């Protein structure tokens, strides 16, 4: 029996119960945060994907359906007229071939030249590397102007109506070079010293050792160059008059311009051109972005790593 004169004490909660409560609160907070994060990602993904889907779906819409209903997630009337109109001649295949040649050859040459030039700038034993880095930065900030650029390509180099006029001007992008410089500087210099002791020269060192371990950043820069060459229409507008050398982007620009001119000459909105002009614009977008969309998944695993590696050192 208990003594009535003794004070009654309350039982204290066990520490284990407190830890379980804190753990449950933390797990609930983490679940709420993850749920909110996933919701934001889903909404953002929908915002990005829906416009692409609308372009793809409405490229198969008939012109009458498009004029009546505008953009739809699912067209009320399907048609292949836009693609038939684009594929009825040989110019599309010719322009596709030109764009592929420019993108593949230009990307390979540009990546090789930019990677070697960036390695020279990043090498600590190159005497004038700081001067070269300053000139590269100066070229990125300043430009020679359109007149001087046109005279150099067309008159001095005689590249008018040549496929090289679409490749040579983009062979060395200063910004991409500095991305490679930041990566090269993040590599331990002991790699160079060990290879030199083993008898490797500078060329063998770069191609046998440095280049294989630079795969992430090389893949990233390659993707940048491929997009640059594939999407460019400005150089062909300046230097290419022969339609057999027109790349895909210029062909699309000329095609849409001709449709717009026909609409204007015919009296604006009241005039109906024979070609499905609205669907053609959407179909050309689908044909244009196809190779880049197919290329990106193979380089995605290198993209984030390549763009961020070496970013804290430079």
C-alpha atoms as a PDB file:
ATOM      1  CA  UNK A   1       0.000   0.000   0.000  1.00  0.00           C
ATOM      2  CA  UNK A   2       1.117   3.564  -0.638  1.00  0.00           C
ATOM      3  CA  UNK A   3       1.717   6.090   2.047  1.00  0.00           C
ATOM      4  CA  UNK A   4      -0.918   8.869   1.805  1.00  0.00           C
ATOM      5  CA  UNK A   5       1.550  11.402   3.138  1.00  0.00           C
ATOM      6  CA  UNK A   6       3.932  10.897   0.231  1.00  0.00           C
ATOM      7  CA  UNK A   7       3.393  13.173  -2.806  1.00  0.00           C
ATOM      8  CA  UNK A   8       2.077  11.495  -5.921  1.00  0.00           C
ATOM      9  CA  UNK A   9       4.393  11.898  -8.901  1.00  0.00           C
ATOM     10  CA  UNK A  10       3.277  11.752 -12.541  1.00  0.00           C
ATOM     11  CA  UNK A  11       4.911   9.322 -14.890  1.00  0.00           C
ATOM     12  CA  UNK A  12       7.191  11.014 -17.394  1.00  0.00           C
ATOM     13  CA  UNK A  13       6.772  10.084 -21.073  1.00  0.00           C
ATOM     14  CA  UNK A  14       9.349   7.716 -22.339  1.00  0.00           C
ATOM     15  CA  UNK A  15      12.097   9.177 -24.547  1.00  0.00           C
ATOM     16  CA  UNK A  16      11.373   6.506 -27.140  1.00  0.00           C
ATOM     17  CA  UNK A  17       7.846   7.829 -27.609  1.00  0.00           C
ATOM     18  CA  UNK A  18       9.204  11.335 -28.189  1.00  0.00           C
ATOM     19  CA  UNK A  19      11.666  10.063 -30.788  1.00  0.00           C
ATOM     20  CA  UNK A  20       8.906   8.183 -32.585  1.00  0.00           C
ATOM     21  CA  UNK A  21       6.731  11.300 -32.617  1.00  0.00           C
ATOM     22  CA  UNK A  22       9.563  13.429 -34.021  1.00  0.00           C
ATOM     23  CA  UNK A  23      10.296  10.761 -36.596  1.00  0.00           C
ATOM     24  CA  UNK A  24       6.639  10.616 -37.650  1.00  0.00           C
ATOM     25  CA  UNK A  25       6.524  14.428 -37.936  1.00  0.00           C
ATOM     26  CA  UNK A  26       9.646  14.418 -40.080  1.00  0.00           C
ATOM     27  CA  UNK A  27       8.355  11.666 -42.335  1.00  0.00           C
ATOM     28  CA  UNK A  28       5.075  13.525 -42.802  1.00  0.00           C
ATOM     29  CA  UNK A  29       6.947  16.708 -43.677  1.00  0.00           C
ATOM     30  CA  UNK A  30       9.173  14.864 -46.140  1.00  0.00           C
ATOM     31  CA  UNK A  31       6.168  13.219 -47.793  1.00  0.00           C
ATOM     32  CA  UNK A  32       4.387  16.566 -48.065  1.00  0.00           C
ATOM     33  CA  UNK A  33       7.490  18.175 -49.571  1.00  0.00           C
ATOM     34  CA  UNK A  34       7.975  15.321 -52.069  1.00  0.00           C
ATOM     35  CA  UNK A  35       4.297  15.437 -53.030  1.00  0.00           C
ATOM     36  CA  UNK A  36       4.496  19.191 -53.623  1.00  0.00           C
ATOM     37  CA  UNK A  37       7.726  18.777 -55.619  1.00  0.00           C
ATOM     38  CA  UNK A  38       6.240  16.053 -57.823  1.00  0.00           C
ATOM     39  CA  UNK A  39       3.148  18.183 -58.389  1.00  0.00           C
ATOM     40  CA  UNK A  40       5.296  21.116 -59.539  1.00  0.00           C
ATOM     41  CA  UNK A  41       7.284  18.821 -61.852  1.00  0.00           C
ATOM     42  CA  UNK A  42       4.110  17.351 -63.356  1.00  0.00           C
ATOM     43  CA  UNK A  43       2.621  20.796 -63.963  1.00  0.00           C
ATOM     44  CA  UNK A  44       5.861  22.086 -65.472  1.00  0.00           C
ATOM     45  CA  UNK A  45       6.174  18.999 -67.682  1.00  0.00           C
ATOM     46  CA  UNK A  46       2.601  19.479 -68.893  1.00  0.00           C
ATOM     47  CA  UNK A  47       3.334  23.120 -69.710  1.00  0.00           C
ATOM     48  CA  UNK A  48       6.325  21.981 -71.788  1.00  0.00           C
ATOM     49  CA  UNK A  49       4.746  18.948 -73.457  1.00  0.00           C
ATOM     50  CA  UNK A  50       1.299  20.307 -74.340  1.00  0.00           C
ATOM     51  CA  UNK A  51       2.571  22.912 -76.883  1.00  0.00           C
ATOM     52  CA  UNK A  52       4.612  20.209 -78.645  1.00  0.00           C
ATOM     53  CA  UNK A  53       1.589  17.944 -78.737  1.00  0.00           C
ATOM     54  CA  UNK A  54      -0.604  20.709 -80.143  1.00  0.00           C
ATOM     55  CA  UNK A  55       1.938  21.390 -82.906  1.00  0.00           C
ATOM     56  CA  UNK A  56       2.212  17.691 -83.750  1.00  0.00           C
ATOM     57  CA  UNK A  57      -1.541  17.004 -83.662  1.00  0.00           C
ATOM     58  CA  UNK A  58      -2.605  20.131 -85.566  1.00  0.00           C
ATOM     59  CA  UNK A  59      -0.017  19.472 -88.273  1.00  0.00           C
ATOM     60  CA  UNK A  60      -2.369  16.617 -89.276  1.00  0.00           C
ATOM     61  CA  UNK A  61      -5.474  18.833 -89.157  1.00  0.00           C
ATOM     62  CA  UNK A  62      -7.238  19.890 -92.314  1.00  0.00           C
ATOM     63  CA  UNK A  63      -7.046  23.539 -93.261  1.00  0.00           C
ATOM     64  CA  UNK A  64     -10.808  23.993 -92.928  1.00  0.00           C
ATOM     65  CA  UNK A  65     -10.778  22.485 -89.442  1.00  0.00           C
ATOM     66  CA  UNK A  66      -7.858  24.672 -88.411  1.00  0.00           C
ATOM     67  CA  UNK A  67      -9.482  27.875 -89.685  1.00  0.00           C
ATOM     68  CA  UNK A  68     -12.753  26.990 -87.973  1.00  0.00           C
ATOM     69  CA  UNK A  69     -11.546  25.726 -84.583  1.00  0.00           C
ATOM     70  CA  UNK A  70      -7.995  27.009 -84.266  1.00  0.00           C
ATOM     71  CA  UNK A  71      -5.510  25.040 -82.178  1.00  0.00           C
ATOM     72  CA  UNK A  72      -6.912  21.838 -80.675  1.00  0.00           C
ATOM     73  CA  UNK A  73      -5.535  18.987 -78.616  1.00  0.00           C
ATOM     74  CA  UNK A  74      -7.246  16.606 -81.046  1.00  0.00           C
ATOM     75  CA  UNK A  75      -8.262  17.943 -84.464  1.00  0.00           C
ATOM     76  CA  UNK A  76     -11.885  17.435 -85.432  1.00  0.00           C
ATOM     77  CA  UNK A  77     -10.837  16.588 -89.001  1.00  0.00           C
ATOM     78  CA  UNK A  78      -7.567  14.841 -89.847  1.00  0.00           C
ATOM     79  CA  UNK A  79      -5.629  15.344 -93.059  1.00  0.00           C
ATOM     80  CA  UNK A  80      -2.203  14.637 -94.576  1.00  0.00           C
ATOM     81  CA  UNK A  81      -2.380  17.535 -97.036  1.00  0.00           C
ATOM     82  CA  UNK A  82       0.413  19.515 -95.344  1.00  0.00           C
ATOM     83  CA  UNK A  83       2.888  16.623 -95.450  1.00  0.00           C
ATOM     84  CA  UNK A  84       1.868  15.676 -98.974  1.00  0.00           C
ATOM     85  CA  UNK A  85       2.445  19.272-100.077  1.00  0.00           C
ATOM     86  CA  UNK A  86       5.900  19.322 -98.446  1.00  0.00           C
ATOM     87  CA  UNK A  87       6.956  15.937 -99.837  1.00  0.00           C
ATOM     88  CA  UNK A  88       5.650  16.349-103.370  1.00  0.00           C
ATOM     89  CA  UNK A  89       8.919  17.878-104.617  1.00  0.00           C
ATOM     90  CA  UNK A  90      12.583  16.992-104.250  1.00  0.00           C
ATOM     91  CA  UNK A  91      13.600  20.187-102.458  1.00  0.00           C
ATOM     92  CA  UNK A  92      12.770  18.856 -98.993  1.00  0.00           C
ATOM     93  CA  UNK A  93      15.069  15.852 -99.390  1.00  0.00           C
ATOM     94  CA  UNK A  94      17.793  18.046-100.894  1.00  0.00           C
ATOM     95  CA  UNK A  95      17.567  20.527 -98.034  1.00  0.00           C
ATOM     96  CA  UNK A  96      17.538  17.707 -95.495  1.00  0.00           C
ATOM     97  CA  UNK A  97      20.721  16.328 -97.053  1.00  0.00           C
ATOM     98  CA  UNK A  98      22.371  19.759 -96.926  1.00  0.00           C
ATOM     99  CA  UNK A  99      21.400  20.276 -93.295  1.00  0.00           C
ATOM    100  CA  UNK A 100      22.694  16.832 -92.313  1.00  0.00           C
ATOM    101  CA  UNK A 101      26.023  17.445 -94.074  1.00  0.00           C
ATOM    102  CA  UNK A 102      26.432  20.852 -92.453  1.00  0.00           C
ATOM    103  CA  UNK A 103      25.423  19.612 -88.995  1.00  0.00           C
ATOM    104  CA  UNK A 104      27.580  16.452 -89.025  1.00  0.00           C
ATOM    105  CA  UNK A 105      30.711  17.852 -90.674  1.00  0.00           C
ATOM    106  CA  UNK A 106      30.455  21.177 -88.860  1.00  0.00           C
ATOM    107  CA  UNK A 107      29.944  19.563 -85.446  1.00  0.00           C
ATOM    108  CA  UNK A 108      32.880  17.177 -85.852  1.00  0.00           C
ATOM    109  CA  UNK A 109      35.278  19.883 -87.024  1.00  0.00           C
ATOM    110  CA  UNK A 110      34.063  22.471 -84.534  1.00  0.00           C
ATOM    111  CA  UNK A 111      34.323  20.128 -81.547  1.00  0.00           C
ATOM    112  CA  UNK A 112      37.827  19.021 -82.562  1.00  0.00           C
ATOM    113  CA  UNK A 113      39.106  22.570 -83.077  1.00  0.00           C
ATOM    114  CA  UNK A 114      37.413  23.977 -79.980  1.00  0.00           C
ATOM    115  CA  UNK A 115      38.613  21.121 -77.754  1.00  0.00           C
ATOM    116  CA  UNK A 116      42.239  21.474 -78.869  1.00  0.00           C
ATOM    117  CA  UNK A 117      42.186  25.257 -78.602  1.00  0.00           C
ATOM    118  CA  UNK A 118      40.631  25.130 -75.129  1.00  0.00           C
ATOM    119  CA  UNK A 119      43.263  22.630 -73.991  1.00  0.00           C
ATOM    120  CA  UNK A 120      46.010  25.038 -75.066  1.00  0.00           C
ATOM    121  CA  UNK A 121      44.397  27.856 -73.070  1.00  0.00           C
ATOM    122  CA  UNK A 122      43.948  25.647 -70.001  1.00  0.00           C
ATOM    123  CA  UNK A 123      47.470  24.184 -70.044  1.00  0.00           C
ATOM    124  CA  UNK A 124      49.525  25.884 -67.297  1.00  0.00           C
ATOM    125  CA  UNK A 125      52.819  25.618 -69.217  1.00  0.00           C
ATOM    126  CA  UNK A 126      51.717  27.384 -72.396  1.00  0.00           C
ATOM    127  CA  UNK A 127      53.519  30.706 -72.413  1.00  0.00           C
ATOM    128  CA  UNK A 128      50.910  32.952 -74.035  1.00  0.00           C
ATOM    129  CA  UNK A 129      47.779  31.171 -72.824  1.00  0.00           C
ATOM    130  CA  UNK A 130      46.531  34.292 -70.995  1.00  0.00           C
ATOM    131  CA  UNK A 131      46.880  36.353 -74.170  1.00  0.00           C
ATOM    132  CA  UNK A 132      44.958  33.733 -76.132  1.00  0.00           C
ATOM    133  CA  UNK A 133      42.259  33.647 -73.440  1.00  0.00           C
ATOM    134  CA  UNK A 134      41.942  37.434 -73.578  1.00  0.00           C
ATOM    135  CA  UNK A 135      41.669  37.442 -77.373  1.00  0.00           C
ATOM    136  CA  UNK A 136      39.036  34.701 -77.165  1.00  0.00           C
ATOM    137  CA  UNK A 137      37.048  36.714 -74.641  1.00  0.00           C
ATOM    138  CA  UNK A 138      37.430  39.827 -76.809  1.00  0.00           C
ATOM    139  CA  UNK A 139      36.089  37.934 -79.821  1.00  0.00           C
ATOM    140  CA  UNK A 140      33.109  36.796 -77.752  1.00  0.00           C
ATOM    141  CA  UNK A 141      32.268  40.348 -76.654  1.00  0.00           C
ATOM    142  CA  UNK A 142      33.062  42.239 -79.860  1.00  0.00           C
ATOM    143  CA  UNK A 143      32.443  41.430 -83.505  1.00  0.00           C
ATOM    144  CA  UNK A 144      33.757  42.517 -86.859  1.00  0.00           C
ATOM    145  CA  UNK A 145      30.400  43.760 -88.120  1.00  0.00           C
ATOM    146  CA  UNK A 146      28.195  42.440 -90.879  1.00  0.00           C
ATOM    147  CA  UNK A 147      29.957  44.250 -93.745  1.00  0.00           C
ATOM    148  CA  UNK A 148      33.420  43.028 -92.792  1.00  0.00           C
ATOM    149  CA  UNK A 149      32.103  39.524 -92.178  1.00  0.00           C
ATOM    150  CA  UNK A 150      30.422  39.376 -95.576  1.00  0.00           C
ATOM    151  CA  UNK A 151      33.500  40.718 -97.393  1.00  0.00           C
ATOM    152  CA  UNK A 152      35.753  38.160 -95.683  1.00  0.00           C
ATOM    153  CA  UNK A 153      33.529  35.161 -96.496  1.00  0.00           C
ATOM    154  CA  UNK A 154      32.345  36.161 -99.982  1.00  0.00           C
ATOM    155  CA  UNK A 155      35.303  38.141-101.412  1.00  0.00           C
ATOM    156  CA  UNK A 156      38.431  37.036 -99.570  1.00  0.00           C
ATOM    157  CA  UNK A 157      37.636  33.367 -99.020  1.00  0.00           C
ATOM    158  CA  UNK A 158      35.420  33.089-102.154  1.00  0.00           C
ATOM    159  CA  UNK A 159      32.856  30.900-100.378  1.00  0.00           C
ATOM    160  CA  UNK A 160      29.790  32.360-102.052  1.00  0.00           C
ATOM    161  CA  UNK A 161      27.391  29.520-102.955  1.00  0.00           C
ATOM    162  CA  UNK A 162      29.575  26.994-101.162  1.00  0.00           C
ATOM    163  CA  UNK A 163      28.592  24.576 -98.431  1.00  0.00           C
ATOM    164  CA  UNK A 164      31.703  25.666 -96.498  1.00  0.00           C
ATOM    165  CA  UNK A 165      30.176  29.104 -96.030  1.00  0.00           C
ATOM    166  CA  UNK A 166      27.722  27.406 -93.665  1.00  0.00           C
ATOM    167  CA  UNK A 167      30.425  25.523 -91.735  1.00  0.00           C
ATOM    168  CA  UNK A 168      33.567  27.651 -91.350  1.00  0.00           C
ATOM    169  CA  UNK A 169      32.112  30.707 -89.535  1.00  0.00           C
ATOM    170  CA  UNK A 170      30.970  28.585 -86.565  1.00  0.00           C
ATOM    171  CA  UNK A 171      34.038  26.389 -86.189  1.00  0.00           C
ATOM    172  CA  UNK A 172      35.167  28.015 -82.939  1.00  0.00           C
ATOM    173  CA  UNK A 173      32.629  29.412 -80.499  1.00  0.00           C
ATOM    174  CA  UNK A 174      34.356  31.294 -77.627  1.00  0.00           C
ATOM    175  CA  UNK A 175      31.654  30.462 -75.083  1.00  0.00           C
ATOM    176  CA  UNK A 176      31.915  26.730 -75.752  1.00  0.00           C
ATOM    177  CA  UNK A 177      35.701  27.025 -75.563  1.00  0.00           C
ATOM    178  CA  UNK A 178      35.476  28.488 -72.054  1.00  0.00           C
ATOM    179  CA  UNK A 179      33.214  25.603 -70.981  1.00  0.00           C
ATOM    180  CA  UNK A 180      35.964  23.211 -72.055  1.00  0.00           C
ATOM    181  CA  UNK A 181      38.641  25.353 -70.397  1.00  0.00           C
ATOM    182  CA  UNK A 182      36.797  25.148 -67.067  1.00  0.00           C
ATOM    183  CA  UNK A 183      36.663  21.365 -67.379  1.00  0.00           C
ATOM    184  CA  UNK A 184      40.322  20.982 -68.316  1.00  0.00           C
ATOM    185  CA  UNK A 185      41.372  23.108 -65.348  1.00  0.00           C
ATOM    186  CA  UNK A 186      39.450  20.809 -63.019  1.00  0.00           C
ATOM    187  CA  UNK A 187      41.569  17.824 -64.089  1.00  0.00           C
ATOM    188  CA  UNK A 188      44.584  16.990 -61.882  1.00  0.00           C
ATOM    189  CA  UNK A 189      47.812  18.112 -63.541  1.00  0.00           C
ATOM    190  CA  UNK A 190      49.470  14.956 -62.217  1.00  0.00           C
ATOM    191  CA  UNK A 191      47.832  13.146 -65.161  1.00  0.00           C
ATOM    192  CA  UNK A 192      49.943  15.201 -67.560  1.00  0.00           C
ATOM    193  CA  UNK A 193      53.102  14.669 -65.543  1.00  0.00           C
ATOM    194  CA  UNK A 194      52.603  10.900 -65.331  1.00  0.00           C
ATOM    195  CA  UNK A 195      51.968  10.633 -69.078  1.00  0.00           C
ATOM    196  CA  UNK A 196      55.022  12.785 -69.836  1.00  0.00           C
ATOM    197  CA  UNK A 197      57.226  10.587 -67.638  1.00  0.00           C
ATOM    198  CA  UNK A 198      55.959   7.538 -69.555  1.00  0.00           C
ATOM    199  CA  UNK A 199      57.093   9.181 -72.785  1.00  0.00           C
ATOM    200  CA  UNK A 200      53.794  10.513 -74.166  1.00  0.00           C
ATOM    201  CA  UNK A 201      53.971  13.660 -76.259  1.00  0.00           C
ATOM    202  CA  UNK A 202      51.413  16.468 -76.246  1.00  0.00           C
ATOM    203  CA  UNK A 203      49.384  15.054 -79.146  1.00  0.00           C
ATOM    204  CA  UNK A 204      49.306  11.525 -77.740  1.00  0.00           C
ATOM    205  CA  UNK A 205      48.526  12.898 -74.268  1.00  0.00           C
ATOM    206  CA  UNK A 206      45.549  14.860 -75.558  1.00  0.00           C
ATOM    207  CA  UNK A 207      44.009  12.188 -77.817  1.00  0.00           C
ATOM    208  CA  UNK A 208      44.779   9.114 -75.700  1.00  0.00           C
ATOM    209  CA  UNK A 209      44.209  10.438 -72.175  1.00  0.00           C
ATOM    210  CA  UNK A 210      42.551  13.853 -71.974  1.00  0.00           C
ATOM    211  CA  UNK A 211      39.962  13.342 -74.695  1.00  0.00           C
ATOM    212  CA  UNK A 212      38.569   9.994 -73.385  1.00  0.00           C
ATOM    213  CA  UNK A 213      38.057  11.353 -69.856  1.00  0.00           C
ATOM    214  CA  UNK A 214      36.391  14.483 -71.284  1.00  0.00           C
ATOM    215  CA  UNK A 215      33.413  12.574 -72.683  1.00  0.00           C
ATOM    216  CA  UNK A 216      30.706  14.413 -70.626  1.00  0.00           C
ATOM    217  CA  UNK A 217      31.793  17.922 -71.573  1.00  0.00           C
ATOM    218  CA  UNK A 218      32.610  16.901 -75.167  1.00  0.00           C
ATOM    219  CA  UNK A 219      29.118  15.437 -75.541  1.00  0.00           C
ATOM    220  CA  UNK A 220      27.589  18.628 -74.141  1.00  0.00           C
ATOM    221  CA  UNK A 221      29.537  20.906 -76.473  1.00  0.00           C
ATOM    222  CA  UNK A 222      28.746  18.566 -79.386  1.00  0.00           C
ATOM    223  CA  UNK A 223      25.044  18.928 -78.664  1.00  0.00           C
ATOM    224  CA  UNK A 224      25.380  22.719 -78.564  1.00  0.00           C
ATOM    225  CA  UNK A 225      27.215  22.773 -81.898  1.00  0.00           C
ATOM    226  CA  UNK A 226      24.753  20.348 -83.507  1.00  0.00           C
ATOM    227  CA  UNK A 227      21.821  22.549 -82.497  1.00  0.00           C
ATOM    228  CA  UNK A 228      23.675  25.655 -83.685  1.00  0.00           C
ATOM    229  CA  UNK A 229      24.375  24.200 -87.131  1.00  0.00           C
ATOM    230  CA  UNK A 230      20.975  22.562 -87.503  1.00  0.00           C
ATOM    231  CA  UNK A 231      18.933  25.649 -86.602  1.00  0.00           C
ATOM    232  CA  UNK A 232      21.023  28.183 -88.530  1.00  0.00           C
ATOM    233  CA  UNK A 233      19.460  29.873 -91.529  1.00  0.00           C
ATOM    234  CA  UNK A 234      21.237  33.235 -91.329  1.00  0.00           C
ATOM    235  CA  UNK A 235      24.452  32.183 -93.076  1.00  0.00           C
ATOM    236  CA  UNK A 236      22.587  30.522 -95.931  1.00  0.00           C
ATOM    237  CA  UNK A 237      20.455  33.635 -96.364  1.00  0.00           C
ATOM    238  CA  UNK A 238      23.628  35.723 -96.710  1.00  0.00           C
ATOM    239  CA  UNK A 239      25.836  33.496 -98.840  1.00  0.00           C
ATOM    240  CA  UNK A 240      23.703  30.884-100.637  1.00  0.00           C
ATOM    241  CA  UNK A 241      21.700  31.791-103.738  1.00  0.00           C
ATOM    242  CA  UNK A 242      21.618  28.315-105.299  1.00  0.00           C
ATOM    243  CA  UNK A 243      18.455  26.595-104.043  1.00  0.00           C
ATOM    244  CA  UNK A 244      20.164  23.208-104.371  1.00  0.00           C
ATOM    245  CA  UNK A 245      22.424  24.245-101.481  1.00  0.00           C
ATOM    246  CA  UNK A 246      19.676  25.618 -99.264  1.00  0.00           C
ATOM    247  CA  UNK A 247      19.536  23.917 -95.864  1.00  0.00           C
ATOM    248  CA  UNK A 248      16.263  22.874 -94.326  1.00  0.00           C
ATOM    249  CA  UNK A 249      15.832  25.969 -92.175  1.00  0.00           C
ATOM    250  CA  UNK A 250      16.134  28.369 -95.112  1.00  0.00           C
ATOM    251  CA  UNK A 251      13.795  26.230 -97.202  1.00  0.00           C
ATOM    252  CA  UNK A 252      11.194  26.419 -94.437  1.00  0.00           C
ATOM    253  CA  UNK A 253      11.668  30.158 -94.126  1.00  0.00           C
ATOM    254  CA  UNK A 254      11.293  30.685 -97.864  1.00  0.00           C
ATOM    255  CA  UNK A 255       8.261  28.398 -97.992  1.00  0.00           C
ATOM    256  CA  UNK A 256       6.421  30.197 -95.203  1.00  0.00           C
ATOM    257  CA  UNK A 257       7.397  33.578 -96.644  1.00  0.00           C
ATOM    258  CA  UNK A 258       5.981  32.614-100.029  1.00  0.00           C
ATOM    259  CA  UNK A 259       2.722  31.474 -98.427  1.00  0.00           C
ATOM    260  CA  UNK A 260       2.462  34.750 -96.531  1.00  0.00           C
ATOM    261  CA  UNK A 261       3.223  36.775 -99.652  1.00  0.00           C
ATOM    262  CA  UNK A 262       0.540  34.878-101.574  1.00  0.00           C
ATOM    263  CA  UNK A 263      -1.949  35.629 -98.814  1.00  0.00           C
ATOM    264  CA  UNK A 264      -1.056  39.326 -98.804  1.00  0.00           C
ATOM    265  CA  UNK A 265      -1.212  39.650-102.596  1.00  0.00           C
ATOM    266  CA  UNK A 266      -4.502  37.785-102.672  1.00  0.00           C
ATOM    267  CA  UNK A 267      -6.205  40.206-100.303  1.00  0.00           C
ATOM    268  CA  UNK A 268      -5.392  39.127 -96.758  1.00  0.00           C
ATOM    269  CA  UNK A 269      -7.751  36.935 -94.738  1.00  0.00           C
ATOM    270  CA  UNK A 270     -10.401  36.738 -97.443  1.00  0.00           C
ATOM    271  CA  UNK A 271      -7.995  34.971 -99.785  1.00  0.00           C
ATOM    272  CA  UNK A 272      -7.469  31.217 -99.481  1.00  0.00           C
ATOM    273  CA  UNK A 273      -4.184  29.921-100.849  1.00  0.00           C
ATOM    274  CA  UNK A 274      -4.248  26.549-102.540  1.00  0.00           C
ATOM    275  CA  UNK A 275      -1.809  25.076-100.039  1.00  0.00           C
ATOM    276  CA  UNK A 276      -2.807  24.398 -96.408  1.00  0.00           C
ATOM    277  CA  UNK A 277      -0.646  27.250 -95.109  1.00  0.00           C
ATOM    278  CA  UNK A 278      -1.370  26.916 -91.385  1.00  0.00           C
ATOM    279  CA  UNK A 279      -0.858  23.157 -91.314  1.00  0.00           C
ATOM    280  CA  UNK A 280       2.295  23.528 -93.400  1.00  0.00           C
ATOM    281  CA  UNK A 281       3.859  25.791 -90.801  1.00  0.00           C
ATOM    282  CA  UNK A 282       3.176  23.233 -88.078  1.00  0.00           C
ATOM    283  CA  UNK A 283       4.344  20.336 -90.255  1.00  0.00           C
ATOM    284  CA  UNK A 284       7.610  22.087 -91.041  1.00  0.00           C
ATOM    285  CA  UNK A 285       8.228  22.573 -87.324  1.00  0.00           C
ATOM    286  CA  UNK A 286       7.745  18.834 -86.769  1.00  0.00           C
ATOM    287  CA  UNK A 287      10.121  17.987 -89.612  1.00  0.00           C
ATOM    288  CA  UNK A 288      12.697  20.461 -88.339  1.00  0.00           C
ATOM    289  CA  UNK A 289      12.938  19.411 -84.708  1.00  0.00           C
ATOM    290  CA  UNK A 290      12.872  15.680 -85.438  1.00  0.00           C
ATOM    291  CA  UNK A 291      16.644  14.965 -85.586  1.00  0.00           C
ATOM    292  CA  UNK A 292      17.426  17.078 -82.508  1.00  0.00           C
ATOM    293  CA  UNK A 293      14.653  15.419 -80.501  1.00  0.00           C
ATOM    294  CA  UNK A 294      16.028  12.001 -81.465  1.00  0.00           C
ATOM    295  CA  UNK A 295      19.622  13.023 -80.699  1.00  0.00           C
ATOM    296  CA  UNK A 296      19.057  14.514 -77.272  1.00  0.00           C
ATOM    297  CA  UNK A 297      18.063  11.315 -75.362  1.00  0.00           C
ATOM    298  CA  UNK A 298      21.404   9.699 -76.239  1.00  0.00           C
ATOM    299  CA  UNK A 299      23.341  12.690 -74.875  1.00  0.00           C
ATOM    300  CA  UNK A 300      21.086  13.504 -71.925  1.00  0.00           C
ATOM    301  CA  UNK A 301      23.129  11.497 -69.415  1.00  0.00           C
ATOM    302  CA  UNK A 302      26.205  13.582 -70.278  1.00  0.00           C
ATOM    303  CA  UNK A 303      24.435  16.914 -70.524  1.00  0.00           C
ATOM    304  CA  UNK A 304      23.985  17.962 -66.876  1.00  0.00           C
ATOM    305  CA  UNK A 305      27.317  16.533 -65.794  1.00  0.00           C
ATOM    306  CA  UNK A 306      29.148  18.149 -68.676  1.00  0.00           C
ATOM    307  CA  UNK A 307      27.637  21.597 -68.192  1.00  0.00           C
ATOM    308  CA  UNK A 308      28.332  21.717 -64.443  1.00  0.00           C
ATOM    309  CA  UNK A 309      31.615  19.869 -64.047  1.00  0.00           C
ATOM    310  CA  UNK A 310      34.502  22.232 -63.485  1.00  0.00           C
ATOM    311  CA  UNK A 311      32.127  25.124 -62.823  1.00  0.00           C
ATOM    312  CA  UNK A 312      33.616  25.804 -59.367  1.00  0.00           C
ATOM    313  CA  UNK A 313      37.109  26.095 -60.724  1.00  0.00           C
ATOM    314  CA  UNK A 314      38.288  28.349 -63.489  1.00  0.00           C
END
